[in-house]
N, C-alpha and C. Protein backbone atom coordinates (compact mmCIF):
# COMPACT_ATOMS: atom_id res chain seq x y z
N MET A 1 85.64 85.28 96.04
CA MET A 1 85.72 86.72 96.27
C MET A 1 86.41 86.96 97.61
N THR A 2 87.37 87.86 97.60
CA THR A 2 88.09 88.18 98.83
C THR A 2 87.49 89.45 99.47
N PRO A 3 87.77 89.69 100.75
CA PRO A 3 87.29 90.93 101.37
C PRO A 3 87.78 92.18 100.63
N ALA A 4 88.98 92.14 100.07
CA ALA A 4 89.51 93.30 99.33
C ALA A 4 88.65 93.58 98.10
N ILE A 5 88.34 92.57 97.35
CA ILE A 5 87.53 92.73 96.14
C ILE A 5 86.12 93.18 96.52
N ARG A 6 85.58 92.59 97.55
CA ARG A 6 84.24 92.96 98.01
C ARG A 6 84.20 94.45 98.39
N LEU A 7 85.21 94.92 99.10
CA LEU A 7 85.28 96.33 99.50
C LEU A 7 85.30 97.24 98.27
N LEU A 8 86.13 96.92 97.30
CA LEU A 8 86.21 97.73 96.09
C LEU A 8 84.88 97.78 95.36
N GLU A 9 84.22 96.64 95.26
CA GLU A 9 82.92 96.60 94.58
C GLU A 9 81.87 97.38 95.35
N GLU A 10 81.85 97.23 96.66
CA GLU A 10 80.86 97.94 97.48
C GLU A 10 81.03 99.45 97.37
N ARG A 11 82.26 99.90 97.27
CA ARG A 11 82.54 101.34 97.20
C ARG A 11 82.50 101.89 95.78
N GLY A 12 82.29 101.02 94.79
CA GLY A 12 82.22 101.46 93.39
C GLY A 12 83.54 101.98 92.84
N ILE A 13 84.64 101.40 93.32
CA ILE A 13 85.98 101.81 92.88
C ILE A 13 86.36 101.07 91.60
N ASP A 14 86.90 101.80 90.63
CA ASP A 14 87.41 101.17 89.41
C ASP A 14 88.68 100.40 89.74
N PHE A 15 88.72 99.15 89.32
CA PHE A 15 89.92 98.33 89.52
C PHE A 15 89.96 97.26 88.46
N GLU A 16 91.14 96.69 88.30
CA GLU A 16 91.32 95.57 87.39
C GLU A 16 91.85 94.40 88.21
N LEU A 17 91.32 93.24 87.98
CA LEU A 17 91.75 92.03 88.68
C LEU A 17 92.63 91.21 87.75
N LEU A 18 93.81 90.83 88.23
CA LEU A 18 94.74 90.02 87.44
C LEU A 18 95.04 88.75 88.22
N GLU A 19 94.99 87.64 87.52
CA GLU A 19 95.22 86.36 88.18
C GLU A 19 96.35 85.61 87.49
N TYR A 20 97.12 84.89 88.28
CA TYR A 20 98.19 84.05 87.75
C TYR A 20 98.28 82.80 88.61
N ARG A 21 98.92 81.79 88.06
CA ARG A 21 99.06 80.54 88.79
C ARG A 21 100.21 80.67 89.79
N HIS A 22 99.89 80.62 91.07
CA HIS A 22 100.90 80.73 92.12
C HIS A 22 101.70 79.44 92.21
N ASP A 23 103.01 79.57 92.27
CA ASP A 23 103.91 78.43 92.43
C ASP A 23 104.37 78.39 93.88
N ALA A 24 103.96 77.37 94.62
CA ALA A 24 104.29 77.26 96.05
C ALA A 24 105.79 77.16 96.31
N ASN A 25 106.58 76.88 95.29
CA ASN A 25 108.03 76.78 95.46
C ASN A 25 108.75 78.12 95.30
N VAL A 26 108.01 79.16 94.96
CA VAL A 26 108.62 80.49 94.79
C VAL A 26 108.40 81.28 96.07
N PRO A 27 109.49 81.60 96.79
CA PRO A 27 109.34 82.27 98.09
C PRO A 27 109.11 83.78 98.00
N ALA A 28 109.46 84.41 96.88
CA ALA A 28 109.33 85.87 96.75
C ALA A 28 108.02 86.17 96.03
N TYR A 29 106.98 86.40 96.80
CA TYR A 29 105.63 86.55 96.25
C TYR A 29 105.51 87.74 95.31
N GLY A 30 106.07 88.89 95.68
CA GLY A 30 105.98 90.06 94.83
C GLY A 30 106.68 89.87 93.51
N GLU A 31 107.88 89.31 93.56
CA GLU A 31 108.62 89.05 92.33
C GLU A 31 107.89 88.04 91.46
N GLU A 32 107.23 87.08 92.09
CA GLU A 32 106.46 86.10 91.33
C GLU A 32 105.35 86.81 90.55
N ALA A 33 104.65 87.75 91.20
CA ALA A 33 103.58 88.49 90.53
C ALA A 33 104.13 89.31 89.36
N VAL A 34 105.26 89.98 89.60
CA VAL A 34 105.89 90.77 88.54
C VAL A 34 106.20 89.91 87.33
N ASN A 35 106.85 88.77 87.56
CA ASN A 35 107.24 87.89 86.46
C ASN A 35 106.05 87.23 85.79
N ALA A 36 105.10 86.74 86.57
CA ALA A 36 103.96 86.03 86.00
C ALA A 36 103.05 86.95 85.19
N LEU A 37 102.95 88.20 85.59
CA LEU A 37 102.03 89.13 84.92
C LEU A 37 102.74 90.08 83.96
N GLY A 38 104.08 90.00 83.90
CA GLY A 38 104.83 90.86 82.99
C GLY A 38 104.75 92.33 83.37
N LEU A 39 104.78 92.61 84.67
CA LEU A 39 104.67 93.98 85.16
C LEU A 39 106.03 94.51 85.59
N SER A 40 106.10 95.79 85.81
CA SER A 40 107.31 96.43 86.30
C SER A 40 107.39 96.28 87.82
N PRO A 41 108.57 95.97 88.37
CA PRO A 41 108.69 95.84 89.82
C PRO A 41 108.50 97.17 90.56
N GLU A 42 108.49 98.28 89.84
CA GLU A 42 108.24 99.58 90.46
C GLU A 42 106.75 99.85 90.63
N GLU A 43 105.90 99.12 89.90
CA GLU A 43 104.46 99.38 89.99
C GLU A 43 103.70 98.34 90.81
N VAL A 44 104.38 97.26 91.18
CA VAL A 44 103.77 96.24 92.04
C VAL A 44 104.24 96.50 93.46
N PHE A 45 103.29 96.67 94.37
CA PHE A 45 103.62 97.01 95.75
C PHE A 45 103.35 95.84 96.67
N LYS A 46 104.32 95.58 97.53
CA LYS A 46 104.15 94.52 98.53
C LYS A 46 103.57 95.14 99.79
N THR A 47 102.71 94.39 100.43
CA THR A 47 102.06 94.82 101.67
C THR A 47 102.79 94.15 102.82
N LEU A 48 103.44 94.96 103.65
CA LEU A 48 104.22 94.44 104.76
C LEU A 48 103.62 94.94 106.07
N LEU A 49 103.72 94.13 107.10
CA LEU A 49 103.28 94.56 108.43
C LEU A 49 104.50 94.69 109.32
N ALA A 50 104.47 95.73 110.11
CA ALA A 50 105.57 95.99 111.05
C ALA A 50 104.99 96.31 112.40
N SER A 51 105.77 96.00 113.41
CA SER A 51 105.42 96.33 114.79
C SER A 51 106.26 97.53 115.18
N VAL A 52 105.61 98.55 115.75
CA VAL A 52 106.36 99.72 116.19
C VAL A 52 106.37 99.78 117.71
N ASP A 53 107.56 100.08 118.22
CA ASP A 53 107.79 100.18 119.66
C ASP A 53 107.29 98.94 120.41
N GLY A 54 107.33 97.80 119.73
CA GLY A 54 106.95 96.53 120.36
C GLY A 54 105.48 96.43 120.71
N GLN A 55 104.65 97.30 120.17
CA GLN A 55 103.24 97.31 120.56
C GLN A 55 102.29 97.17 119.38
N ARG A 56 102.14 98.22 118.62
CA ARG A 56 101.09 98.23 117.60
C ARG A 56 101.62 97.82 116.23
N LEU A 57 100.72 97.27 115.44
CA LEU A 57 101.06 96.87 114.08
C LEU A 57 100.68 97.98 113.11
N LEU A 58 101.49 98.11 112.06
CA LEU A 58 101.24 99.05 110.98
C LEU A 58 101.34 98.31 109.66
N VAL A 59 100.75 98.90 108.63
CA VAL A 59 100.86 98.38 107.28
C VAL A 59 101.75 99.33 106.48
N ALA A 60 102.69 98.78 105.73
CA ALA A 60 103.57 99.57 104.88
C ALA A 60 103.56 98.97 103.48
N LEU A 61 103.45 99.83 102.48
CA LEU A 61 103.47 99.38 101.09
C LEU A 61 104.66 100.01 100.38
N VAL A 62 105.49 99.14 99.81
CA VAL A 62 106.66 99.58 99.05
C VAL A 62 106.73 98.77 97.76
N PRO A 63 107.37 99.33 96.72
CA PRO A 63 107.49 98.58 95.47
C PRO A 63 108.29 97.30 95.67
N VAL A 64 107.99 96.32 94.86
CA VAL A 64 108.71 95.05 94.90
C VAL A 64 110.19 95.28 94.64
N SER A 65 110.52 96.32 93.88
CA SER A 65 111.92 96.61 93.54
C SER A 65 112.70 97.19 94.71
N SER A 66 112.05 97.47 95.82
CA SER A 66 112.69 98.13 96.97
C SER A 66 112.53 97.30 98.23
N THR A 67 113.22 97.75 99.27
CA THR A 67 113.02 97.20 100.60
C THR A 67 112.41 98.28 101.47
N LEU A 68 111.78 97.87 102.53
CA LEU A 68 111.16 98.80 103.47
C LEU A 68 112.22 99.38 104.39
N ASP A 69 112.29 100.69 104.46
CA ASP A 69 113.19 101.38 105.39
C ASP A 69 112.45 101.46 106.73
N LEU A 70 112.81 100.59 107.65
CA LEU A 70 112.11 100.50 108.93
C LEU A 70 112.29 101.76 109.78
N LYS A 71 113.43 102.42 109.66
CA LYS A 71 113.64 103.67 110.40
C LYS A 71 112.70 104.75 109.88
N ALA A 72 112.53 104.80 108.57
CA ALA A 72 111.62 105.79 107.98
C ALA A 72 110.18 105.51 108.39
N LEU A 73 109.81 104.24 108.45
CA LEU A 73 108.46 103.88 108.90
C LEU A 73 108.25 104.29 110.35
N ALA A 74 109.23 104.02 111.19
CA ALA A 74 109.11 104.41 112.60
C ALA A 74 108.94 105.92 112.72
N ARG A 75 109.75 106.68 111.99
CA ARG A 75 109.62 108.14 112.01
C ARG A 75 108.22 108.58 111.58
N ALA A 76 107.73 108.00 110.49
CA ALA A 76 106.41 108.37 109.97
C ALA A 76 105.31 108.08 110.98
N ALA A 77 105.50 107.02 111.76
CA ALA A 77 104.50 106.62 112.75
C ALA A 77 104.70 107.29 114.10
N GLY A 78 105.72 108.12 114.21
CA GLY A 78 106.01 108.77 115.49
C GLY A 78 106.50 107.81 116.54
N ALA A 79 107.21 106.78 116.09
CA ALA A 79 107.72 105.75 117.00
C ALA A 79 109.24 105.76 116.99
N LYS A 80 109.82 105.06 117.95
CA LYS A 80 111.27 104.99 118.03
C LYS A 80 111.84 103.86 117.18
N LYS A 81 111.11 102.75 117.07
CA LYS A 81 111.65 101.58 116.39
C LYS A 81 110.53 100.81 115.71
N ALA A 82 110.84 100.27 114.54
CA ALA A 82 109.91 99.41 113.81
C ALA A 82 110.65 98.14 113.41
N VAL A 83 109.98 97.01 113.53
CA VAL A 83 110.52 95.72 113.07
C VAL A 83 109.42 95.02 112.29
N LEU A 84 109.83 94.21 111.32
CA LEU A 84 108.82 93.45 110.58
C LEU A 84 108.07 92.53 111.53
N ALA A 85 106.78 92.44 111.33
CA ALA A 85 105.94 91.58 112.17
C ALA A 85 106.17 90.11 111.81
N GLU A 86 106.01 89.26 112.79
CA GLU A 86 106.07 87.82 112.54
C GLU A 86 104.85 87.42 111.69
N ALA A 87 105.01 86.43 110.84
CA ALA A 87 103.95 86.00 109.94
C ALA A 87 102.64 85.68 110.67
N PRO A 88 102.67 84.92 111.77
CA PRO A 88 101.38 84.62 112.44
C PRO A 88 100.65 85.87 112.92
N ALA A 89 101.39 86.86 113.42
CA ALA A 89 100.76 88.10 113.88
C ALA A 89 100.16 88.86 112.70
N ALA A 90 100.87 88.90 111.58
CA ALA A 90 100.36 89.57 110.38
C ALA A 90 99.10 88.89 109.87
N GLU A 91 99.10 87.58 109.88
CA GLU A 91 97.93 86.83 109.40
C GLU A 91 96.73 87.01 110.32
N ARG A 92 96.95 87.00 111.63
CA ARG A 92 95.84 87.21 112.58
C ARG A 92 95.23 88.60 112.42
N ALA A 93 96.08 89.60 112.28
CA ALA A 93 95.59 90.98 112.21
C ALA A 93 94.85 91.27 110.90
N THR A 94 95.30 90.67 109.82
CA THR A 94 94.73 91.00 108.52
C THR A 94 93.66 90.02 108.04
N GLY A 95 93.73 88.78 108.49
CA GLY A 95 92.81 87.77 107.99
C GLY A 95 93.26 87.15 106.68
N TYR A 96 94.45 87.52 106.24
CA TYR A 96 95.03 87.00 105.00
C TYR A 96 96.28 86.20 105.31
N VAL A 97 96.68 85.33 104.37
CA VAL A 97 97.93 84.59 104.55
C VAL A 97 99.08 85.37 103.93
N VAL A 98 100.26 85.20 104.48
CA VAL A 98 101.46 85.85 103.96
C VAL A 98 101.60 85.49 102.48
N GLY A 99 101.94 86.48 101.69
CA GLY A 99 102.01 86.29 100.24
C GLY A 99 100.72 86.66 99.56
N GLY A 100 99.67 86.84 100.35
CA GLY A 100 98.37 87.24 99.82
C GLY A 100 97.74 88.32 100.67
N ILE A 101 98.56 89.01 101.47
CA ILE A 101 98.02 90.05 102.34
C ILE A 101 97.72 91.29 101.50
N SER A 102 96.47 91.67 101.51
CA SER A 102 96.03 92.87 100.81
C SER A 102 95.96 94.02 101.80
N PRO A 103 96.23 95.24 101.35
CA PRO A 103 96.04 96.39 102.23
C PRO A 103 94.56 96.72 102.42
N LEU A 104 93.71 96.09 101.65
CA LEU A 104 92.27 96.35 101.67
C LEU A 104 91.51 95.22 102.33
N GLY A 105 90.47 95.55 103.06
CA GLY A 105 89.58 94.54 103.62
C GLY A 105 90.19 93.72 104.74
N GLN A 106 91.11 94.30 105.47
CA GLN A 106 91.75 93.58 106.58
C GLN A 106 90.80 93.46 107.77
N LYS A 107 91.01 92.44 108.57
CA LYS A 107 90.18 92.22 109.76
C LYS A 107 90.25 93.39 110.73
N GLN A 108 91.44 93.89 110.95
CA GLN A 108 91.64 95.03 111.85
C GLN A 108 92.05 96.24 111.02
N ARG A 109 91.52 97.39 111.36
CA ARG A 109 91.95 98.62 110.68
C ARG A 109 93.28 99.04 111.30
N LEU A 110 94.32 99.02 110.49
CA LEU A 110 95.66 99.37 110.95
C LEU A 110 96.12 100.64 110.24
N ALA A 111 96.89 101.45 110.93
CA ALA A 111 97.48 102.62 110.28
C ALA A 111 98.30 102.13 109.09
N THR A 112 98.14 102.84 107.97
CA THR A 112 98.76 102.40 106.72
C THR A 112 99.61 103.52 106.13
N TYR A 113 100.78 103.12 105.62
CA TYR A 113 101.72 104.05 105.01
C TYR A 113 102.11 103.50 103.65
N ILE A 114 102.03 104.36 102.64
CA ILE A 114 102.37 103.98 101.27
C ILE A 114 103.59 104.78 100.84
N ASP A 115 104.56 104.11 100.23
CA ASP A 115 105.73 104.84 99.77
C ASP A 115 105.32 105.97 98.84
N ILE A 116 105.93 107.11 99.05
CA ILE A 116 105.58 108.32 98.32
C ILE A 116 105.73 108.18 96.81
N GLY A 117 106.55 107.26 96.37
CA GLY A 117 106.71 107.03 94.94
C GLY A 117 105.44 106.56 94.25
N ALA A 118 104.47 106.10 95.01
CA ALA A 118 103.20 105.63 94.44
C ALA A 118 102.23 106.77 94.17
N GLU A 119 102.42 107.87 94.87
CA GLU A 119 101.40 108.92 94.88
C GLU A 119 101.00 109.43 93.50
N HIS A 120 101.95 109.59 92.60
CA HIS A 120 101.64 110.19 91.30
C HIS A 120 101.60 109.18 90.16
N ARG A 121 101.57 107.91 90.49
CA ARG A 121 101.43 106.88 89.46
C ARG A 121 99.99 106.87 88.94
N LYS A 122 99.83 106.45 87.71
CA LYS A 122 98.48 106.31 87.15
C LYS A 122 97.73 105.21 87.89
N HIS A 123 98.44 104.11 88.17
CA HIS A 123 97.86 103.00 88.93
C HIS A 123 99.00 102.21 89.56
N LEU A 124 98.65 101.37 90.50
CA LEU A 124 99.61 100.45 91.09
C LEU A 124 98.91 99.12 91.33
N TYR A 125 99.71 98.11 91.60
CA TYR A 125 99.19 96.77 91.81
C TYR A 125 99.46 96.34 93.24
N VAL A 126 98.45 95.79 93.88
CA VAL A 126 98.58 95.24 95.23
C VAL A 126 97.87 93.90 95.27
N SER A 127 98.16 93.13 96.28
CA SER A 127 97.50 91.83 96.42
C SER A 127 96.00 92.01 96.59
N ALA A 128 95.27 91.11 95.99
CA ALA A 128 93.81 91.12 96.11
C ALA A 128 93.33 90.28 97.28
N GLY A 129 94.27 89.74 98.06
CA GLY A 129 93.89 88.96 99.23
C GLY A 129 94.06 87.47 99.09
N ARG A 130 94.77 87.08 98.05
CA ARG A 130 95.06 85.66 97.83
C ARG A 130 96.32 85.56 96.97
N ARG A 131 97.14 84.60 97.26
CA ARG A 131 98.31 84.37 96.42
C ARG A 131 97.84 84.10 95.00
N GLY A 132 98.46 84.78 94.04
CA GLY A 132 98.08 84.59 92.65
C GLY A 132 97.00 85.55 92.17
N LEU A 133 96.68 86.54 92.97
CA LEU A 133 95.61 87.48 92.61
C LEU A 133 96.05 88.90 92.94
N GLU A 134 96.07 89.77 91.94
CA GLU A 134 96.49 91.16 92.11
C GLU A 134 95.37 92.10 91.67
N ILE A 135 95.38 93.28 92.26
CA ILE A 135 94.43 94.33 91.92
C ILE A 135 95.22 95.52 91.39
N ALA A 136 94.77 96.08 90.27
CA ALA A 136 95.31 97.35 89.78
C ALA A 136 94.29 98.42 90.13
N LEU A 137 94.75 99.50 90.77
CA LEU A 137 93.87 100.60 91.11
C LEU A 137 94.66 101.90 91.20
N ARG A 138 93.94 103.01 91.25
CA ARG A 138 94.59 104.31 91.38
C ARG A 138 95.12 104.48 92.80
N PRO A 139 96.32 105.03 92.95
CA PRO A 139 96.88 105.27 94.29
C PRO A 139 95.95 106.10 95.17
N SER A 140 95.27 107.07 94.59
CA SER A 140 94.37 107.92 95.38
C SER A 140 93.21 107.11 95.95
N ASP A 141 92.74 106.11 95.21
CA ASP A 141 91.66 105.25 95.72
C ASP A 141 92.17 104.39 96.87
N LEU A 142 93.37 103.84 96.71
CA LEU A 142 93.96 103.03 97.78
C LEU A 142 94.18 103.89 99.02
N GLN A 143 94.68 105.08 98.83
CA GLN A 143 94.93 105.98 99.96
C GLN A 143 93.63 106.31 100.69
N ARG A 144 92.59 106.61 99.94
CA ARG A 144 91.31 106.97 100.54
C ARG A 144 90.69 105.79 101.30
N LEU A 145 90.73 104.61 100.71
CA LEU A 145 90.12 103.44 101.35
C LEU A 145 90.85 102.99 102.61
N THR A 146 92.16 103.18 102.64
CA THR A 146 92.94 102.73 103.79
C THR A 146 93.26 103.88 104.75
N GLN A 147 92.91 105.09 104.35
CA GLN A 147 93.25 106.30 105.12
C GLN A 147 94.76 106.38 105.34
N ALA A 148 95.50 106.02 104.30
CA ALA A 148 96.96 105.94 104.37
C ALA A 148 97.60 107.31 104.21
N SER A 149 98.85 107.36 104.61
CA SER A 149 99.72 108.51 104.38
C SER A 149 100.76 108.11 103.36
N PHE A 150 101.05 109.02 102.43
CA PHE A 150 102.16 108.81 101.49
C PHE A 150 103.41 109.38 102.15
N VAL A 151 104.41 108.53 102.37
CA VAL A 151 105.65 108.93 103.02
C VAL A 151 106.82 108.19 102.35
N PRO A 152 108.03 108.73 102.45
CA PRO A 152 109.20 108.02 101.91
C PRO A 152 109.48 106.76 102.74
N LEU A 153 109.34 105.61 102.13
CA LEU A 153 109.54 104.33 102.83
C LEU A 153 110.48 103.38 102.12
N ALA A 154 110.66 103.58 100.82
CA ALA A 154 111.41 102.62 100.00
C ALA A 154 112.91 102.91 100.04
N ARG A 155 113.66 101.84 100.12
CA ARG A 155 115.11 101.91 100.03
C ARG A 155 115.53 100.93 98.95
N ASN A 156 116.36 101.39 98.02
CA ASN A 156 116.77 100.51 96.91
C ASN A 156 118.00 99.71 97.23
């Protein structure tokens, strides 16, 4: 059981857990989940960490089919510049390993931003806190649990 799953169970949130065999030779974790589970790349969201203004870390969620617009993230956070966080910093802050970072149950509570395209979906998929494990849940539940803002973040 991961901290993400534990949080969902403790809060009584409806979710579905999906598991697949992670291949250590596949470097694109989100695409691996899409292919292994037969999902759409627009409904699987990758959890990325970024550093804004060289100081604080933020969490950004965008579909696997898109890239994170760092300028849009900086604007949303009221910062001048955002850069992707280094893997060790992301792992320390979240308690998860890269490729299995969940937006839920992180060690540190970080400001979270979800691409606006998720807001009206019936459900979306995010990492459950381990490579090879995904959670399907309602965007409104994810937003409430992470206190996230829905903002335009995805660039195709």
